Amino acid sequence: MKPADVQHPTSTFVTDRGLSVRWLGTAGFELIAPDGTTLLIDPYLTRVGLWDYLTKPIAPSVEKINAGIGRADAILVGHSHFDHVMDVPVIARQSGARVIGSVSTANLMQAQSLPAHQIVQLDKHRRTTLEVGPFRITAIPSLHSPFALGKKVPYAGDIPCTCDIHLRGSGYRCGDVFSFLIEVDGFRMYHLGSANLAEDQIPVEARDVDLLLMCIAARFATPKFVTRALAATTPRTVLPMHYDFMWRSADKPMRLLPRTDFGRLVDEVQGFSRGMSVLTLPLTARRPTPHDHPATPSPAR
């Protein structure tokens, strides 16, 4: 089975209460409430090539960002690897959005001269609840998949506040990790942007969510990750993400990351509960046109 086999037919879908959800690639999402309030999670539109990533400092593409993102009222950053945070300073500067993330994320924003009032630094030792328009957000301390050699988190540590403006890919240190419980107009979703979790930090309010946005990259490095994530959130629908080859342009046909094993994922979800649905969204790094009309999702079972 492939992601396209359970893919929603349009670039966005809208819940029965009017919340619009669009996948930007990797762990990135755009959430638009009925009143227009726009929440971004881990937006990464630049998608630098692998050769550039390995050989030189990398930088955001303003052109690609502007093609993919319009309004932003707040940006949630789950951790500070390049594919989660690199584009955030540009988006925040252009939109005035608040950036909500770790010490490492805050350091990068400060180094990029983002005003202090736009930076919200989370505490790695406790859950933090914030409101952005109709969105109620709970930031929850979490963990990153230990898939590097020696079963370690790749590029662990914080980005220093004295960092250069243009870092190499390896300079985007992971920092502290957060997952997010997001509620709007009675609809609840959980964003798990890395394939690991800290069950003791996840509140009971995260159970029975409507939608679990679940990273499946490098999930095999975390024992029983899928079943543990499902048990912690008991979602109605699972929306896998972060399985796209992030060094490939979004204008080209999507290539999967190695060891995605999508069919096995679907089997695990349905083995956990036949009542859970699996849904994917097309990778859409450009803003939808007026001809792309979102519709209510019909998750495949």
Foldseek 3Di string as FASTA:
>chain_A
DDQVVFAFPFQWAAAPQGWIWGAQAQLWIWIAHPVGAIEIEQHAQQQAAPVCLPPHFDARDPVLQVQFDDEHAAYEAFWFQCSRQRCPLVNCVVHVHAYEEAPQSQLLNVLVVPDPVRYHHDDLVAWDWDDRVQKIKIKWFWDAAQQDPPSHDQQADGQHSNDDNTGRSSSRHGGTGIKMWIDGPHAIEIRDNHQTTDLVGQDPVQAAHAEYAAEQPNNVSYPPSLLVVCVSRVYQEYEYHNQWPSNDRLVDPTDGDPPSPVVVSVVVVCVNPVRYFYYYHRNDSGDDDPVRDHYHGDTHD
